[in-house]
Amino acid sequence: MLQSQVIGRSLLHMATITKQSSPVRWLTDNQYESLPLPHRAIAWADSQVGVREKGRNRGRQVEEYQRVAGLGRGGGYAWCACFVTWCLIQAGAKWCALPKPGLCAAVRNWASWAEESERLRSTPKRGDLFFWLDSQGRGHIGFVLSTWKLGIIRTIEGNTDGEAGSREGDGVYKRTRTLRSFQKRHRYGFIDLSDLKCE
């Protein structure tokens, strides 16, 4: 085999490694690659719908979310923010553009990061994060999948459930929420993930 052929095949192999594949059937690889990062993160979140805990805040995939967020494995920690972090990292986000590992596992740190980086919004759009906090600083976070009229929002969330929308549920679910339900919280907001760049 000629040396040029070997080099050509090596370069092709490298290109194959760096190309990102769509995690869902409803997007081709090319469609996935052409999406902005927040929408690619939604594709990863959608690919996880149906993941369930094995024990309280445990399970192979749940512990993978926790590990990526900097908590290690097997800790049994609440994991909604870990899920968000995992999806963003899978979609190609750089750590230097996100809350630091460990800190990203807490909703209140995402809220602080959004405020400091001027990413807090009062009106949601597809690809944003929603969050709420109670008076003790405990909260919940997830992806905004779509917004409808009359203040209805479709979401994808980890560590919730299919009925009550608990912040301590058992899996990854698509949910329908209302702006009114957010307004009852101590604090809430939407985080714009557009143009995530390292400072």
C-alpha atoms as a PDB file:
ATOM      1  CA  MET A   1       0.000   0.000   0.000  1.00  0.00           C
ATOM      2  CA  LEU A   2       1.290   3.459  -0.902  1.00  0.00           C
ATOM      3  CA  GLN A   3       2.235   5.811   1.944  1.00  0.00           C
ATOM      4  CA  SER A   4      -0.281   8.411   0.679  1.00  0.00           C
ATOM      5  CA  GLN A   5      -3.052   5.796   0.935  1.00  0.00           C
ATOM      6  CA  VAL A   6      -2.051   4.985   4.524  1.00  0.00           C
ATOM      7  CA  ILE A   7      -2.035   8.682   5.462  1.00  0.00           C
ATOM      8  CA  GLY A   8      -5.380   9.175   3.732  1.00  0.00           C
ATOM      9  CA  ARG A   9      -6.951   6.298   5.648  1.00  0.00           C
ATOM     10  CA  SER A  10      -5.502   7.596   8.927  1.00  0.00           C
ATOM     11  CA  LEU A  11      -6.987  11.027   8.343  1.00  0.00           C
ATOM     12  CA  LEU A  12     -10.346   9.460   7.469  1.00  0.00           C
ATOM     13  CA  HIS A  13     -10.206   7.426  10.689  1.00  0.00           C
ATOM     14  CA  MET A  14      -9.459  10.580  12.694  1.00  0.00           C
ATOM     15  CA  ALA A  15     -12.385  12.397  11.056  1.00  0.00           C
ATOM     16  CA  THR A  16     -14.657   9.490  11.925  1.00  0.00           C
ATOM     17  CA  ILE A  17     -13.581   9.654  15.576  1.00  0.00           C
ATOM     18  CA  THR A  18     -14.227  13.404  15.906  1.00  0.00           C
ATOM     19  CA  LYS A  19     -17.596  13.349  14.127  1.00  0.00           C
ATOM     20  CA  GLN A  20     -20.477  13.416  16.610  1.00  0.00           C
ATOM     21  CA  SER A  21     -23.282  10.917  16.130  1.00  0.00           C
ATOM     22  CA  SER A  22     -26.907  11.706  16.816  1.00  0.00           C
ATOM     23  CA  PRO A  23     -28.113  10.041  20.032  1.00  0.00           C
ATOM     24  CA  VAL A  24     -31.712   9.856  18.755  1.00  0.00           C
ATOM     25  CA  ARG A  25     -33.426   8.297  15.751  1.00  0.00           C
ATOM     26  CA  TRP A  26     -35.350  11.438  14.834  1.00  0.00           C
ATOM     27  CA  LEU A  27     -32.145  13.310  13.898  1.00  0.00           C
ATOM     28  CA  THR A  28     -29.602  12.232  11.312  1.00  0.00           C
ATOM     29  CA  ASP A  29     -25.939  12.703  12.205  1.00  0.00           C
ATOM     30  CA  ASN A  30     -25.730  15.683   9.822  1.00  0.00           C
ATOM     31  CA  GLN A  31     -28.873  17.280  11.271  1.00  0.00           C
ATOM     32  CA  TYR A  32     -27.530  16.749  14.784  1.00  0.00           C
ATOM     33  CA  GLU A  33     -24.153  18.311  13.981  1.00  0.00           C
ATOM     34  CA  SER A  34     -25.816  21.379  12.428  1.00  0.00           C
ATOM     35  CA  LEU A  35     -27.820  22.160  15.587  1.00  0.00           C
ATOM     36  CA  PRO A  36     -26.751  24.748  18.163  1.00  0.00           C
ATOM     37  CA  LEU A  37     -25.344  23.222  21.336  1.00  0.00           C
ATOM     38  CA  PRO A  38     -28.498  23.689  23.503  1.00  0.00           C
ATOM     39  CA  HIS A  39     -30.548  21.753  20.944  1.00  0.00           C
ATOM     40  CA  ARG A  40     -27.949  18.998  20.764  1.00  0.00           C
ATOM     41  CA  ALA A  41     -28.186  18.772  24.562  1.00  0.00           C
ATOM     42  CA  ILE A  42     -31.958  18.336  24.227  1.00  0.00           C
ATOM     43  CA  ALA A  43     -31.323  15.415  21.870  1.00  0.00           C
ATOM     44  CA  TRP A  44     -29.138  13.797  24.543  1.00  0.00           C
ATOM     45  CA  ALA A  45     -31.780  14.483  27.193  1.00  0.00           C
ATOM     46  CA  ASP A  46     -34.433  12.913  24.965  1.00  0.00           C
ATOM     47  CA  SER A  47     -32.234   9.831  24.512  1.00  0.00           C
ATOM     48  CA  GLN A  48     -32.332   9.316  28.283  1.00  0.00           C
ATOM     49  CA  VAL A  49     -36.116   9.461  28.747  1.00  0.00           C
ATOM     50  CA  GLY A  50     -37.050   6.208  30.453  1.00  0.00           C
ATOM     51  CA  VAL A  51     -33.905   5.926  32.597  1.00  0.00           C
ATOM     52  CA  ARG A  52     -34.948   4.874  36.117  1.00  0.00           C
ATOM     53  CA  GLU A  53     -33.170   4.727  39.448  1.00  0.00           C
ATOM     54  CA  LYS A  54     -32.144   1.448  41.029  1.00  0.00           C
ATOM     55  CA  GLY A  55     -32.514   2.419  44.669  1.00  0.00           C
ATOM     56  CA  ARG A  56     -32.773   6.004  45.903  1.00  0.00           C
ATOM     57  CA  ASN A  57     -30.684   8.293  43.661  1.00  0.00           C
ATOM     58  CA  ARG A  58     -28.685   5.304  42.441  1.00  0.00           C
ATOM     59  CA  GLY A  59     -28.369   3.099  39.382  1.00  0.00           C
ATOM     60  CA  ARG A  60     -25.753   2.645  36.676  1.00  0.00           C
ATOM     61  CA  GLN A  61     -26.826   5.547  34.441  1.00  0.00           C
ATOM     62  CA  VAL A  62     -27.815   7.818  37.331  1.00  0.00           C
ATOM     63  CA  GLU A  63     -24.363   7.302  38.844  1.00  0.00           C
ATOM     64  CA  GLU A  64     -22.807   8.135  35.474  1.00  0.00           C
ATOM     65  CA  TYR A  65     -24.596  11.518  35.547  1.00  0.00           C
ATOM     66  CA  GLN A  66     -23.254  12.048  39.074  1.00  0.00           C
ATOM     67  CA  ARG A  67     -19.727  11.007  38.088  1.00  0.00           C
ATOM     68  CA  VAL A  68     -19.568  13.421  35.139  1.00  0.00           C
ATOM     69  CA  ALA A  69     -20.801  16.246  37.394  1.00  0.00           C
ATOM     70  CA  GLY A  70     -17.923  15.598  39.778  1.00  0.00           C
ATOM     71  CA  LEU A  71     -19.648  13.669  42.567  1.00  0.00           C
ATOM     72  CA  GLY A  72     -18.104  10.260  41.953  1.00  0.00           C
ATOM     73  CA  ARG A  73     -20.212   7.095  41.919  1.00  0.00           C
ATOM     74  CA  GLY A  74     -22.523   5.547  44.459  1.00  0.00           C
ATOM     75  CA  GLY A  75     -23.145   8.623  46.593  1.00  0.00           C
ATOM     76  CA  GLY A  76     -26.922   8.625  46.348  1.00  0.00           C
ATOM     77  CA  TYR A  77     -27.034  12.369  45.652  1.00  0.00           C
ATOM     78  CA  ALA A  78     -29.970  14.229  44.104  1.00  0.00           C
ATOM     79  CA  TRP A  79     -29.150  14.325  40.407  1.00  0.00           C
ATOM     80  CA  CYS A  80     -31.333  16.702  38.357  1.00  0.00           C
ATOM     81  CA  ALA A  81     -28.411  19.142  37.934  1.00  0.00           C
ATOM     82  CA  CYS A  82     -26.035  16.238  37.248  1.00  0.00           C
ATOM     83  CA  PHE A  83     -28.350  15.137  34.427  1.00  0.00           C
ATOM     84  CA  VAL A  84     -28.318  18.624  32.877  1.00  0.00           C
ATOM     85  CA  THR A  85     -24.517  18.736  33.107  1.00  0.00           C
ATOM     86  CA  TRP A  86     -24.110  15.269  31.556  1.00  0.00           C
ATOM     87  CA  CYS A  87     -26.333  16.201  28.590  1.00  0.00           C
ATOM     88  CA  LEU A  88     -24.407  19.411  27.939  1.00  0.00           C
ATOM     89  CA  ILE A  89     -21.025  17.667  28.109  1.00  0.00           C
ATOM     90  CA  GLN A  90     -22.259  14.926  25.744  1.00  0.00           C
ATOM     91  CA  ALA A  91     -23.438  17.647  23.356  1.00  0.00           C
ATOM     92  CA  GLY A  92     -19.948  19.149  23.236  1.00  0.00           C
ATOM     93  CA  ALA A  93     -19.973  21.858  25.907  1.00  0.00           C
ATOM     94  CA  LYS A  94     -16.579  22.664  27.402  1.00  0.00           C
ATOM     95  CA  TRP A  95     -16.119  22.631  31.168  1.00  0.00           C
ATOM     96  CA  CYS A  96     -14.635  26.130  31.057  1.00  0.00           C
ATOM     97  CA  ALA A  97     -18.032  27.415  29.841  1.00  0.00           C
ATOM     98  CA  LEU A  98     -20.064  25.744  32.622  1.00  0.00           C
ATOM     99  CA  PRO A  99     -20.227  25.805  36.420  1.00  0.00           C
ATOM    100  CA  LYS A 100     -17.203  23.903  37.756  1.00  0.00           C
ATOM    101  CA  PRO A 101     -17.314  20.124  38.379  1.00  0.00           C
ATOM    102  CA  GLY A 102     -18.888  19.475  41.745  1.00  0.00           C
ATOM    103  CA  LEU A 103     -20.532  22.907  41.837  1.00  0.00           C
ATOM    104  CA  CYS A 104     -22.604  22.013  38.769  1.00  0.00           C
ATOM    105  CA  ALA A 105     -24.354  19.300  40.800  1.00  0.00           C
ATOM    106  CA  ALA A 106     -26.368  21.897  42.776  1.00  0.00           C
ATOM    107  CA  VAL A 107     -29.238  23.908  41.290  1.00  0.00           C
ATOM    108  CA  ARG A 108     -28.392  26.997  43.365  1.00  0.00           C
ATOM    109  CA  ASN A 109     -24.939  27.077  41.739  1.00  0.00           C
ATOM    110  CA  TRP A 110     -26.481  27.029  38.262  1.00  0.00           C
ATOM    111  CA  ALA A 111     -28.709  29.948  39.317  1.00  0.00           C
ATOM    112  CA  SER A 112     -25.700  31.902  40.629  1.00  0.00           C
ATOM    113  CA  TRP A 113     -23.664  31.100  37.510  1.00  0.00           C
ATOM    114  CA  ALA A 114     -26.526  32.281  35.270  1.00  0.00           C
ATOM    115  CA  GLU A 115     -26.858  35.510  37.207  1.00  0.00           C
ATOM    116  CA  GLU A 116     -23.127  36.220  37.149  1.00  0.00           C
ATOM    117  CA  SER A 117     -22.887  35.450  33.415  1.00  0.00           C
ATOM    118  CA  GLU A 118     -26.050  37.459  32.613  1.00  0.00           C
ATOM    119  CA  ARG A 119     -27.906  34.430  31.299  1.00  0.00           C
ATOM    120  CA  LEU A 120     -31.038  34.676  33.454  1.00  0.00           C
ATOM    121  CA  ARG A 121     -34.252  35.199  31.507  1.00  0.00           C
ATOM    122  CA  SER A 122     -37.899  35.650  32.484  1.00  0.00           C
ATOM    123  CA  THR A 123     -39.296  34.119  29.289  1.00  0.00           C
ATOM    124  CA  PRO A 124     -38.302  30.560  28.259  1.00  0.00           C
ATOM    125  CA  LYS A 125     -37.427  29.215  24.823  1.00  0.00           C
ATOM    126  CA  ARG A 126     -36.424  25.809  23.477  1.00  0.00           C
ATOM    127  CA  GLY A 127     -32.948  24.871  24.680  1.00  0.00           C
ATOM    128  CA  ASP A 128     -33.042  26.957  27.866  1.00  0.00           C
ATOM    129  CA  LEU A 129     -32.806  25.503  31.346  1.00  0.00           C
ATOM    130  CA  PHE A 130     -35.579  26.133  33.845  1.00  0.00           C
ATOM    131  CA  PHE A 131     -34.912  26.134  37.567  1.00  0.00           C
ATOM    132  CA  TRP A 132     -36.592  26.849  40.851  1.00  0.00           C
ATOM    133  CA  LEU A 133     -35.351  27.168  44.409  1.00  0.00           C
ATOM    134  CA  ASP A 134     -37.111  27.013  47.767  1.00  0.00           C
ATOM    135  CA  SER A 135     -36.302  29.234  50.745  1.00  0.00           C
ATOM    136  CA  GLN A 136     -33.655  26.715  51.926  1.00  0.00           C
ATOM    137  CA  GLY A 137     -31.821  26.813  48.585  1.00  0.00           C
ATOM    138  CA  ARG A 138     -33.039  23.387  47.463  1.00  0.00           C
ATOM    139  CA  GLY A 139     -34.342  23.215  43.943  1.00  0.00           C
ATOM    140  CA  HIS A 140     -34.879  21.513  40.630  1.00  0.00           C
ATOM    141  CA  ILE A 141     -33.580  22.072  37.086  1.00  0.00           C
ATOM    142  CA  GLY A 142     -34.210  20.696  33.609  1.00  0.00           C
ATOM    143  CA  PHE A 143     -34.430  21.482  29.897  1.00  0.00           C
ATOM    144  CA  VAL A 144     -37.129  23.521  28.177  1.00  0.00           C
ATOM    145  CA  LEU A 145     -38.256  21.356  25.270  1.00  0.00           C
ATOM    146  CA  SER A 146     -40.930  23.681  23.918  1.00  0.00           C
ATOM    147  CA  THR A 147     -43.158  26.568  24.927  1.00  0.00           C
ATOM    148  CA  TRP A 148     -46.854  26.804  24.140  1.00  0.00           C
ATOM    149  CA  LYS A 149     -49.477  29.470  24.463  1.00  0.00           C
ATOM    150  CA  LEU A 150     -51.198  30.093  27.791  1.00  0.00           C
ATOM    151  CA  GLY A 151     -47.965  29.700  29.737  1.00  0.00           C
ATOM    152  CA  ILE A 152     -47.510  25.966  29.191  1.00  0.00           C
ATOM    153  CA  ILE A 153     -43.980  24.552  28.950  1.00  0.00           C
ATOM    154  CA  ARG A 154     -42.863  21.088  27.850  1.00  0.00           C
ATOM    155  CA  THR A 155     -39.698  19.882  29.601  1.00  0.00           C
ATOM    156  CA  ILE A 156     -37.221  17.011  29.905  1.00  0.00           C
ATOM    157  CA  GLU A 157     -35.993  16.478  33.477  1.00  0.00           C
ATOM    158  CA  GLY A 158     -33.963  14.071  35.536  1.00  0.00           C
ATOM    159  CA  ASN A 159     -34.754  13.006  39.107  1.00  0.00           C
ATOM    160  CA  THR A 160     -38.455  13.703  38.712  1.00  0.00           C
ATOM    161  CA  ASP A 161     -41.581  11.617  38.152  1.00  0.00           C
ATOM    162  CA  GLY A 162     -44.434  11.414  35.707  1.00  0.00           C
ATOM    163  CA  GLU A 163     -47.219  12.734  37.903  1.00  0.00           C
ATOM    164  CA  ALA A 164     -46.445  15.211  40.680  1.00  0.00           C
ATOM    165  CA  GLY A 165     -43.255  16.589  39.108  1.00  0.00           C
ATOM    166  CA  SER A 166     -41.249  15.933  42.241  1.00  0.00           C
ATOM    167  CA  ARG A 167     -37.661  17.183  42.629  1.00  0.00           C
ATOM    168  CA  GLU A 168     -36.899  13.770  44.161  1.00  0.00           C
ATOM    169  CA  GLY A 169     -38.461  11.421  41.632  1.00  0.00           C
ATOM    170  CA  ASP A 170     -37.190   8.178  40.158  1.00  0.00           C
ATOM    171  CA  GLY A 171     -36.113   8.884  36.604  1.00  0.00           C
ATOM    172  CA  VAL A 172     -35.891  10.930  33.426  1.00  0.00           C
ATOM    173  CA  TYR A 173     -39.252  12.108  32.139  1.00  0.00           C
ATOM    174  CA  LYS A 174     -40.863  14.481  29.675  1.00  0.00           C
ATOM    175  CA  ARG A 175     -43.250  16.716  31.585  1.00  0.00           C
ATOM    176  CA  THR A 176     -45.716  19.511  31.022  1.00  0.00           C
ATOM    177  CA  ARG A 177     -45.446  22.429  33.421  1.00  0.00           C
ATOM    178  CA  THR A 178     -47.074  25.849  33.663  1.00  0.00           C
ATOM    179  CA  LEU A 179     -45.566  29.248  34.291  1.00  0.00           C
ATOM    180  CA  ARG A 180     -48.052  29.580  37.143  1.00  0.00           C
ATOM    181  CA  SER A 181     -46.452  26.595  38.892  1.00  0.00           C
ATOM    182  CA  PHE A 182     -43.059  28.339  38.682  1.00  0.00           C
ATOM    183  CA  GLN A 183     -44.474  31.586  40.017  1.00  0.00           C
ATOM    184  CA  LYS A 184     -45.491  29.816  43.240  1.00  0.00           C
ATOM    185  CA  ARG A 185     -41.836  29.056  43.990  1.00  0.00           C
ATOM    186  CA  HIS A 186     -39.537  31.092  46.228  1.00  0.00           C
ATOM    187  CA  ARG A 187     -37.302  31.785  43.221  1.00  0.00           C
ATOM    188  CA  TYR A 188     -37.367  30.634  39.608  1.00  0.00           C
ATOM    189  CA  GLY A 189     -35.923  31.526  36.250  1.00  0.00           C
ATOM    190  CA  PHE A 190     -34.767  30.384  32.841  1.00  0.00           C
ATOM    191  CA  ILE A 191     -31.129  30.074  31.803  1.00  0.00           C
ATOM    192  CA  ASP A 192     -30.124  30.987  28.255  1.00  0.00           C
ATOM    193  CA  LEU A 193     -27.470  28.526  27.010  1.00  0.00           C
ATOM    194  CA  SER A 194     -26.825  30.301  23.695  1.00  0.00           C
ATOM    195  CA  ASP A 195     -23.213  30.963  22.733  1.00  0.00           C
ATOM    196  CA  LEU A 196     -21.580  29.038  25.560  1.00  0.00           C
ATOM    197  CA  LYS A 197     -17.932  30.044  25.360  1.00  0.00           C
ATOM    198  CA  CYS A 198     -14.912  29.828  27.597  1.00  0.00           C
ATOM    199  CA  GLU A 199     -13.997  33.174  29.122  1.00  0.00           C
END
